[in-house]
């Protein structure tokens, strides 16, 4: 699966919440191999959403900018082998 322009976030650190600069993104749970199915999340008009797999609370913060997160360590970057 190509990751293209849809940001992917993870909560390997087990944080209570993660601030994100995108309202549409993928949650992967934890870093592989401990990830859950990569699910598309669309906040719509809301500013918070809970992942139905890992219960991570994502909070939208426009000032972060698309594809960014606080903490930055929550951004998943896939590397080709």
PDB file of N, CA and C in Angstrom:
ATOM      1  N   UNK A   1       0.840  -1.183   0.000  1.00  0.00           N
ATOM      2  CA  UNK A   1       0.000   0.000   0.000  1.00  0.00           C
ATOM      3  C   UNK A   1       0.883   1.243   0.000  1.00  0.00           C
ATOM      4  N   UNK A   2       0.671   2.108  -0.936  1.00  0.00           N
ATOM      5  CA  UNK A   2       1.420   3.356  -1.000  1.00  0.00           C
ATOM      6  C   UNK A   2       0.868   4.334   0.024  1.00  0.00           C
ATOM      7  N   UNK A   3       1.741   5.030   0.696  1.00  0.00           N
ATOM      8  CA  UNK A   3       1.293   5.954   1.731  1.00  0.00           C
ATOM      9  C   UNK A   3       0.945   7.325   1.182  1.00  0.00           C
ATOM     10  N   UNK A   4       1.408   7.635  -0.010  1.00  0.00           N
ATOM     11  CA  UNK A   4       1.028   8.871  -0.678  1.00  0.00           C
ATOM     12  C   UNK A   4       0.987  10.074   0.232  1.00  0.00           C
ATOM     13  N   UNK A   5      -0.097  10.841   0.132  1.00  0.00           N
ATOM     14  CA  UNK A   5      -0.181  12.083   0.880  1.00  0.00           C
ATOM     15  C   UNK A   5      -1.050  11.973   2.135  1.00  0.00           C
ATOM     16  N   UNK A   6      -1.543  10.798   2.449  1.00  0.00           N
ATOM     17  CA  UNK A   6      -2.340  10.636   3.672  1.00  0.00           C
ATOM     18  C   UNK A   6      -1.388  10.355   4.830  1.00  0.00           C
ATOM     19  N   UNK A   7      -1.339  11.243   5.819  1.00  0.00           N
ATOM     20  CA  UNK A   7      -0.422  11.022   6.943  1.00  0.00           C
ATOM     21  C   UNK A   7      -0.827   9.795   7.760  1.00  0.00           C
ATOM     22  N   UNK A   8       0.173   9.116   8.289  1.00  0.00           N
ATOM     23  CA  UNK A   8      -0.024   7.950   9.142  1.00  0.00           C
ATOM     24  C   UNK A   8       0.569   8.273  10.515  1.00  0.00           C
ATOM     25  N   UNK A   9      -0.196   7.975  11.562  1.00  0.00           N
ATOM     26  CA  UNK A   9       0.263   8.236  12.925  1.00  0.00           C
ATOM     27  C   UNK A   9       0.198   6.950  13.752  1.00  0.00           C
ATOM     28  N   UNK A  10       1.035   6.877  14.772  1.00  0.00           N
ATOM     29  CA  UNK A  10       1.048   5.717  15.674  1.00  0.00           C
ATOM     30  C   UNK A  10       1.185   6.197  17.109  1.00  0.00           C
ATOM     31  N   UNK A  11       0.848   5.299  18.030  1.00  0.00           N
ATOM     32  CA  UNK A  11       0.945   5.630  19.454  1.00  0.00           C
ATOM     33  C   UNK A  11       1.754   4.567  20.180  1.00  0.00           C
ATOM     34  N   UNK A  12       2.930   4.293  19.682  1.00  0.00           N
ATOM     35  CA  UNK A  12       3.810   3.306  20.293  1.00  0.00           C
ATOM     36  C   UNK A  12       4.165   3.685  21.725  1.00  0.00           C
ATOM     37  N   UNK A  13       4.219   4.978  22.013  1.00  0.00           N
ATOM     38  CA  UNK A  13       4.586   5.449  23.348  1.00  0.00           C
ATOM     39  C   UNK A  13       3.452   5.310  24.361  1.00  0.00           C
ATOM     40  N   UNK A  14       2.256   4.976  23.910  1.00  0.00           N
ATOM     41  CA  UNK A  14       1.120   4.818  24.819  1.00  0.00           C
ATOM     42  C   UNK A  14       0.632   6.131  25.408  1.00  0.00           C
ATOM     43  N   UNK A  15       0.663   7.187  24.618  1.00  0.00           N
ATOM     44  CA  UNK A  15       0.240   8.502  25.092  1.00  0.00           C
ATOM     45  C   UNK A  15      -1.276   8.578  25.238  1.00  0.00           C
ATOM     46  N   UNK A  16      -1.739   9.416  26.137  1.00  0.00           N
ATOM     47  CA  UNK A  16      -3.174   9.615  26.332  1.00  0.00           C
ATOM     48  C   UNK A  16      -3.817  10.259  25.117  1.00  0.00           C
ATOM     49  N   UNK A  17      -3.112  11.214  24.487  1.00  0.00           N
ATOM     50  CA  UNK A  17      -3.624  11.868  23.286  1.00  0.00           C
ATOM     51  C   UNK A  17      -2.462  12.318  22.411  1.00  0.00           C
ATOM     52  N   UNK A  18      -2.780  12.516  21.137  1.00  0.00           N
ATOM     53  CA  UNK A  18      -1.804  12.999  20.163  1.00  0.00           C
ATOM     54  C   UNK A  18      -2.451  14.145  19.397  1.00  0.00           C
ATOM     55  N   UNK A  19      -1.757  15.261  19.309  1.00  0.00           N
ATOM     56  CA  UNK A  19      -2.237  16.397  18.533  1.00  0.00           C
ATOM     57  C   UNK A  19      -1.774  16.217  17.091  1.00  0.00           C
ATOM     58  N   UNK A  20      -2.699  16.407  16.150  1.00  0.00           N
ATOM     59  CA  UNK A  20      -2.374  16.230  14.737  1.00  0.00           C
ATOM     60  C   UNK A  20      -2.825  17.446  13.935  1.00  0.00           C
ATOM     61  N   UNK A  21      -2.129  17.708  12.844  1.00  0.00           N
ATOM     62  CA  UNK A  21      -2.455  18.842  11.991  1.00  0.00           C
ATOM     63  C   UNK A  21      -3.291  18.460  10.786  1.00  0.00           C
ATOM     64  N   UNK A  22      -3.848  17.259  10.779  1.00  0.00           N
ATOM     65  CA  UNK A  22      -4.681  16.775   9.681  1.00  0.00           C
ATOM     66  C   UNK A  22      -5.970  16.200  10.241  1.00  0.00           C
ATOM     67  N   UNK A  23      -7.071  16.459   9.566  1.00  0.00           N
ATOM     68  CA  UNK A  23      -8.346  15.888   9.988  1.00  0.00           C
ATOM     69  C   UNK A  23      -8.616  14.548   9.321  1.00  0.00           C
ATOM     70  N   UNK A  24      -7.860  14.220   8.288  1.00  0.00           N
ATOM     71  CA  UNK A  24      -7.960  12.937   7.614  1.00  0.00           C
ATOM     72  C   UNK A  24      -6.586  12.284   7.658  1.00  0.00           C
ATOM     73  N   UNK A  25      -6.520  11.064   8.207  1.00  0.00           N
ATOM     74  CA  UNK A  25      -5.248  10.382   8.387  1.00  0.00           C
ATOM     75  C   UNK A  25      -5.476   8.902   8.632  1.00  0.00           C
ATOM     76  N   UNK A  26      -4.390   8.168   8.738  1.00  0.00           N
ATOM     77  CA  UNK A  26      -4.441   6.751   9.061  1.00  0.00           C
ATOM     78  C   UNK A  26      -3.849   6.556  10.456  1.00  0.00           C
ATOM     79  N   UNK A  27      -4.494   5.711  11.248  1.00  0.00           N
ATOM     80  CA  UNK A  27      -3.937   5.292  12.534  1.00  0.00           C
ATOM     81  C   UNK A  27      -3.459   3.863  12.358  1.00  0.00           C
ATOM     82  N   UNK A  28      -2.222   3.600  12.792  1.00  0.00           N
ATOM     83  CA  UNK A  28      -1.688   2.247  12.678  1.00  0.00           C
ATOM     84  C   UNK A  28      -1.504   1.589  14.045  1.00  0.00           C
ATOM     85  N   UNK A  29      -1.859   2.280  15.119  1.00  0.00           N
ATOM     86  CA  UNK A  29      -1.708   1.722  16.464  1.00  0.00           C
ATOM     87  C   UNK A  29      -0.307   1.930  16.977  1.00  0.00           C
ATOM     88  N   UNK A  30       0.505   0.883  16.926  1.00  0.00           N
ATOM     89  CA  UNK A  30       1.907   0.942  17.332  1.00  0.00           C
ATOM     90  C   UNK A  30       2.763   0.653  16.103  1.00  0.00           C
ATOM     91  N   UNK A  31       4.054   0.839  16.242  1.00  0.00           N
ATOM     92  CA  UNK A  31       4.945   0.538  15.126  1.00  0.00           C
ATOM     93  C   UNK A  31       4.942  -0.954  14.826  1.00  0.00           C
ATOM     94  N   UNK A  32       5.091  -1.326  13.550  1.00  0.00           N
ATOM     95  CA  UNK A  32       5.166  -2.742  13.183  1.00  0.00           C
ATOM     96  C   UNK A  32       6.305  -3.405  13.945  1.00  0.00           C
ATOM     97  N   UNK A  33       6.154  -4.610  14.355  1.00  0.00           N
ATOM     98  CA  UNK A  33       5.106  -5.571  14.010  1.00  0.00           C
ATOM     99  C   UNK A  33       3.913  -5.557  14.971  1.00  0.00           C
ATOM    100  N   UNK A  34       3.807  -4.552  15.805  1.00  0.00           N
ATOM    101  CA  UNK A  34       2.733  -4.506  16.804  1.00  0.00           C
ATOM    102  C   UNK A  34       1.583  -3.596  16.387  1.00  0.00           C
ATOM    103  N   UNK A  35       1.515  -3.269  15.094  1.00  0.00           N
ATOM    104  CA  UNK A  35       0.470  -2.384  14.594  1.00  0.00           C
ATOM    105  C   UNK A  35      -0.870  -3.105  14.502  1.00  0.00           C
ATOM    106  N   UNK A  36      -1.940  -2.306  14.447  1.00  0.00           N
ATOM    107  CA  UNK A  36      -3.262  -2.866  14.185  1.00  0.00           C
ATOM    108  C   UNK A  36      -3.600  -2.582  12.729  1.00  0.00           C
ATOM    109  N   UNK A  37      -4.720  -3.087  12.203  1.00  0.00           N
ATOM    110  CA  UNK A  37      -5.056  -2.736  10.815  1.00  0.00           C
ATOM    111  C   UNK A  37      -5.010  -1.220  10.628  1.00  0.00           C
ATOM    112  N   UNK A  38      -4.389  -0.789   9.573  1.00  0.00           N
ATOM    113  CA  UNK A  38      -4.235   0.640   9.305  1.00  0.00           C
ATOM    114  C   UNK A  38      -5.579   1.179   8.845  1.00  0.00           C
ATOM    115  N   UNK A  39      -6.195   2.003   9.701  1.00  0.00           N
ATOM    116  CA  UNK A  39      -7.549   2.474   9.408  1.00  0.00           C
ATOM    117  C   UNK A  39      -7.561   3.964   9.094  1.00  0.00           C
ATOM    118  N   UNK A  40      -8.424   4.314   8.150  1.00  0.00           N
ATOM    119  CA  UNK A  40      -8.609   5.703   7.761  1.00  0.00           C
ATOM    120  C   UNK A  40      -9.543   6.373   8.752  1.00  0.00           C
ATOM    121  N   UNK A  41      -9.136   7.531   9.241  1.00  0.00           N
ATOM    122  CA  UNK A  41      -9.956   8.301  10.172  1.00  0.00           C
ATOM    123  C   UNK A  41     -10.230   9.672   9.560  1.00  0.00           C
ATOM    124  N   UNK A  42     -11.483  10.073   9.574  1.00  0.00           N
ATOM    125  CA  UNK A  42     -11.901  11.382   9.078  1.00  0.00           C
ATOM    126  C   UNK A  42     -12.651  12.075  10.216  1.00  0.00           C
ATOM    127  N   UNK A  43     -12.096  13.158  10.743  1.00  0.00           N
ATOM    128  CA  UNK A  43     -12.721  13.872  11.856  1.00  0.00           C
ATOM    129  C   UNK A  43     -13.963  14.646  11.428  1.00  0.00           C
ATOM    130  N   UNK A  44     -14.089  14.925  10.137  1.00  0.00           N
ATOM    131  CA  UNK A  44     -15.220  15.730   9.690  1.00  0.00           C
ATOM    132  C   UNK A  44     -15.187  17.102  10.336  1.00  0.00           C
ATOM    133  N   UNK A  45     -16.298  17.523  10.928  1.00  0.00           N
ATOM    134  CA  UNK A  45     -16.346  18.845  11.557  1.00  0.00           C
ATOM    135  C   UNK A  45     -15.879  18.830  13.013  1.00  0.00           C
ATOM    136  N   UNK A  46     -15.601  17.638  13.545  1.00  0.00           N
ATOM    137  CA  UNK A  46     -15.128  17.526  14.924  1.00  0.00           C
ATOM    138  C   UNK A  46     -13.642  17.860  15.017  1.00  0.00           C
ATOM    139  N   UNK A  47     -13.185  18.136  16.226  1.00  0.00           N
ATOM    140  CA  UNK A  47     -11.769  18.422  16.463  1.00  0.00           C
ATOM    141  C   UNK A  47     -11.086  17.344  17.288  1.00  0.00           C
ATOM    142  N   UNK A  48     -11.827  16.289  17.621  1.00  0.00           N
ATOM    143  CA  UNK A  48     -11.270  15.161  18.364  1.00  0.00           C
ATOM    144  C   UNK A  48     -11.899  13.889  17.845  1.00  0.00           C
ATOM    145  N   UNK A  49     -11.128  12.802  17.886  1.00  0.00           N
ATOM    146  CA  UNK A  49     -11.648  11.491  17.501  1.00  0.00           C
ATOM    147  C   UNK A  49     -10.842  10.429  18.242  1.00  0.00           C
ATOM    148  N   UNK A  50     -11.495   9.323  18.559  1.00  0.00           N
ATOM    149  CA  UNK A  50     -10.838   8.201  19.228  1.00  0.00           C
ATOM    150  C   UNK A  50     -10.738   7.052  18.233  1.00  0.00           C
ATOM    151  N   UNK A  51      -9.545   6.483  18.098  1.00  0.00           N
ATOM    152  CA  UNK A  51      -9.352   5.339  17.223  1.00  0.00           C
ATOM    153  C   UNK A  51     -10.125   4.152  17.791  1.00  0.00           C
ATOM    154  N   UNK A  52     -10.917   3.498  16.945  1.00  0.00           N
ATOM    155  CA  UNK A  52     -11.738   2.383  17.395  1.00  0.00           C
ATOM    156  C   UNK A  52     -10.934   1.121  17.694  1.00  0.00           C
ATOM    157  N   UNK A  53      -9.685   1.056  17.238  1.00  0.00           N
ATOM    158  CA  UNK A  53      -8.844  -0.106  17.518  1.00  0.00           C
ATOM    159  C   UNK A  53      -7.997   0.070  18.775  1.00  0.00           C
ATOM    160  N   UNK A  54      -7.282   1.192  18.876  1.00  0.00           N
ATOM    161  CA  UNK A  54      -6.312   1.348  19.966  1.00  0.00           C
ATOM    162  C   UNK A  54      -6.721   2.384  21.007  1.00  0.00           C
ATOM    163  N   UNK A  55      -7.852   3.039  20.798  1.00  0.00           N
ATOM    164  CA  UNK A  55      -8.396   4.033  21.741  1.00  0.00           C
ATOM    165  C   UNK A  55      -7.533   5.267  21.913  1.00  0.00           C
ATOM    166  N   UNK A  56      -6.651   5.536  20.968  1.00  0.00           N
ATOM    167  CA  UNK A  56      -5.869   6.769  21.011  1.00  0.00           C
ATOM    168  C   UNK A  56      -6.781   7.954  20.710  1.00  0.00           C
ATOM    169  N   UNK A  57      -6.687   8.989  21.522  1.00  0.00           N
ATOM    170  CA  UNK A  57      -7.430  10.223  21.284  1.00  0.00           C
ATOM    171  C   UNK A  57      -6.579  11.118  20.405  1.00  0.00           C
ATOM    172  N   UNK A  58      -7.098  11.455  19.235  1.00  0.00           N
ATOM    173  CA  UNK A  58      -6.437  12.386  18.327  1.00  0.00           C
ATOM    174  C   UNK A  58      -7.141  13.731  18.427  1.00  0.00           C
ATOM    175  N   UNK A  59      -6.351  14.791  18.609  1.00  0.00           N
ATOM    176  CA  UNK A  59      -6.879  16.149  18.762  1.00  0.00           C
ATOM    177  C   UNK A  59      -6.331  17.002  17.625  1.00  0.00           C
ATOM    178  N   UNK A  60      -7.228  17.619  16.869  1.00  0.00           N
ATOM    179  CA  UNK A  60      -6.827  18.448  15.730  1.00  0.00           C
ATOM    180  C   UNK A  60      -6.324  19.802  16.198  1.00  0.00           C
ATOM    181  N   UNK A  61      -5.136  20.185  15.715  1.00  0.00           N
ATOM    182  CA  UNK A  61      -4.533  21.496  15.975  1.00  0.00           C
ATOM    183  C   UNK A  61      -4.049  22.043  14.635  1.00  0.00           C
ATOM    184  N   UNK A  62      -4.819  22.948  14.051  1.00  0.00           N
ATOM    185  CA  UNK A  62      -4.518  23.481  12.723  1.00  0.00           C
ATOM    186  C   UNK A  62      -3.119  24.090  12.644  1.00  0.00           C
ATOM    187  N   UNK A  63      -2.648  24.681  13.733  1.00  0.00           N
ATOM    188  CA  UNK A  63      -1.346  25.354  13.715  1.00  0.00           C
ATOM    189  C   UNK A  63      -0.177  24.383  13.478  1.00  0.00           C
ATOM    190  N   UNK A  64      -0.396  23.090  13.659  1.00  0.00           N
ATOM    191  CA  UNK A  64       0.670  22.116  13.402  1.00  0.00           C
ATOM    192  C   UNK A  64       0.942  21.949  11.916  1.00  0.00           C
ATOM    193  N   UNK A  65      -0.063  22.120  11.095  1.00  0.00           N
ATOM    194  CA  UNK A  65       0.089  21.932   9.655  1.00  0.00           C
ATOM    195  C   UNK A  65      -0.139  20.486   9.258  1.00  0.00           C
ATOM    196  N   UNK A  66      -0.634  20.294   8.064  1.00  0.00           N
ATOM    197  CA  UNK A  66      -0.982  18.965   7.568  1.00  0.00           C
ATOM    198  C   UNK A  66       0.192  17.996   7.655  1.00  0.00           C
ATOM    199  N   UNK A  67      -0.092  16.813   8.163  1.00  0.00           N
ATOM    200  CA  UNK A  67       0.918  15.767   8.251  1.00  0.00           C
ATOM    201  C   UNK A  67       1.837  15.836   9.445  1.00  0.00           C
ATOM    202  N   UNK A  68       1.674  16.853  10.293  1.00  0.00           N
ATOM    203  CA  UNK A  68       2.515  16.995  11.475  1.00  0.00           C
ATOM    204  C   UNK A  68       1.774  16.544  12.727  1.00  0.00           C
ATOM    205  N   UNK A  69       2.537  16.255  13.761  1.00  0.00           N
ATOM    206  CA  UNK A  69       1.946  15.799  15.022  1.00  0.00           C
ATOM    207  C   UNK A  69       2.757  16.308  16.200  1.00  0.00           C
ATOM    208  N   UNK A  70       2.118  16.342  17.340  1.00  0.00           N
ATOM    209  CA  UNK A  70       2.776  16.654  18.602  1.00  0.00           C
ATOM    210  C   UNK A  70       2.441  15.529  19.566  1.00  0.00           C
ATOM    211  N   UNK A  71       3.403  14.686  19.879  1.00  0.00           N
ATOM    212  CA  UNK A  71       4.832  14.759  19.568  1.00  0.00           C
ATOM    213  C   UNK A  71       5.118  14.292  18.136  1.00  0.00           C
ATOM    214  N   UNK A  72       6.208  14.805  17.591  1.00  0.00           N
ATOM    215  CA  UNK A  72       6.592  14.444  16.222  1.00  0.00           C
ATOM    216  C   UNK A  72       6.922  12.954  16.091  1.00  0.00           C
ATOM    217  N   UNK A  73       7.253  12.320  17.197  1.00  0.00           N
ATOM    218  CA  UNK A  73       7.577  10.881  17.174  1.00  0.00           C
ATOM    219  C   UNK A  73       6.367  10.025  16.820  1.00  0.00           C
ATOM    220  N   UNK A  74       5.156  10.598  16.818  1.00  0.00           N
ATOM    221  CA  UNK A  74       3.937   9.856  16.479  1.00  0.00           C
ATOM    222  C   UNK A  74       3.716   9.749  14.978  1.00  0.00           C
ATOM    223  N   UNK A  75       4.552  10.398  14.179  1.00  0.00           N
ATOM    224  CA  UNK A  75       4.426  10.325  12.719  1.00  0.00           C
ATOM    225  C   UNK A  75       5.079   9.033  12.240  1.00  0.00           C
ATOM    226  N   UNK A  76       4.324   8.254  11.459  1.00  0.00           N
ATOM    227  CA  UNK A  76       4.855   7.013  10.905  1.00  0.00           C
ATOM    228  C   UNK A  76       5.432   7.285   9.532  1.00  0.00           C
ATOM    229  N   UNK A  77       6.675   6.888   9.352  1.00  0.00           N
ATOM    230  CA  UNK A  77       7.336   7.019   8.058  1.00  0.00           C
ATOM    231  C   UNK A  77       7.750   5.634   7.604  1.00  0.00           C
ATOM    232  N   UNK A  78       7.151   5.176   6.515  1.00  0.00           N
ATOM    233  CA  UNK A  78       7.491   3.855   5.989  1.00  0.00           C
ATOM    234  C   UNK A  78       8.765   3.961   5.157  1.00  0.00           C
ATOM    235  N   UNK A  79       9.644   3.028   5.349  1.00  0.00           N
ATOM    236  CA  UNK A  79      10.887   3.005   4.598  1.00  0.00           C
ATOM    237  C   UNK A  79      10.913   1.738   3.754  1.00  0.00           C
ATOM    238  N   UNK A  80      11.248   1.900   2.491  1.00  0.00           N
ATOM    239  CA  UNK A  80      11.363   0.742   1.612  1.00  0.00           C
ATOM    240  C   UNK A  80      12.620  -0.041   1.965  1.00  0.00           C
ATOM    241  N   UNK A  81      12.483  -1.330   1.897  1.00  0.00           N
ATOM    242  CA  UNK A  81      13.631  -2.181   2.258  1.00  0.00           C
ATOM    243  C   UNK A  81      14.579  -2.329   1.091  1.00  0.00           C
TER     244      UNK A  81
END
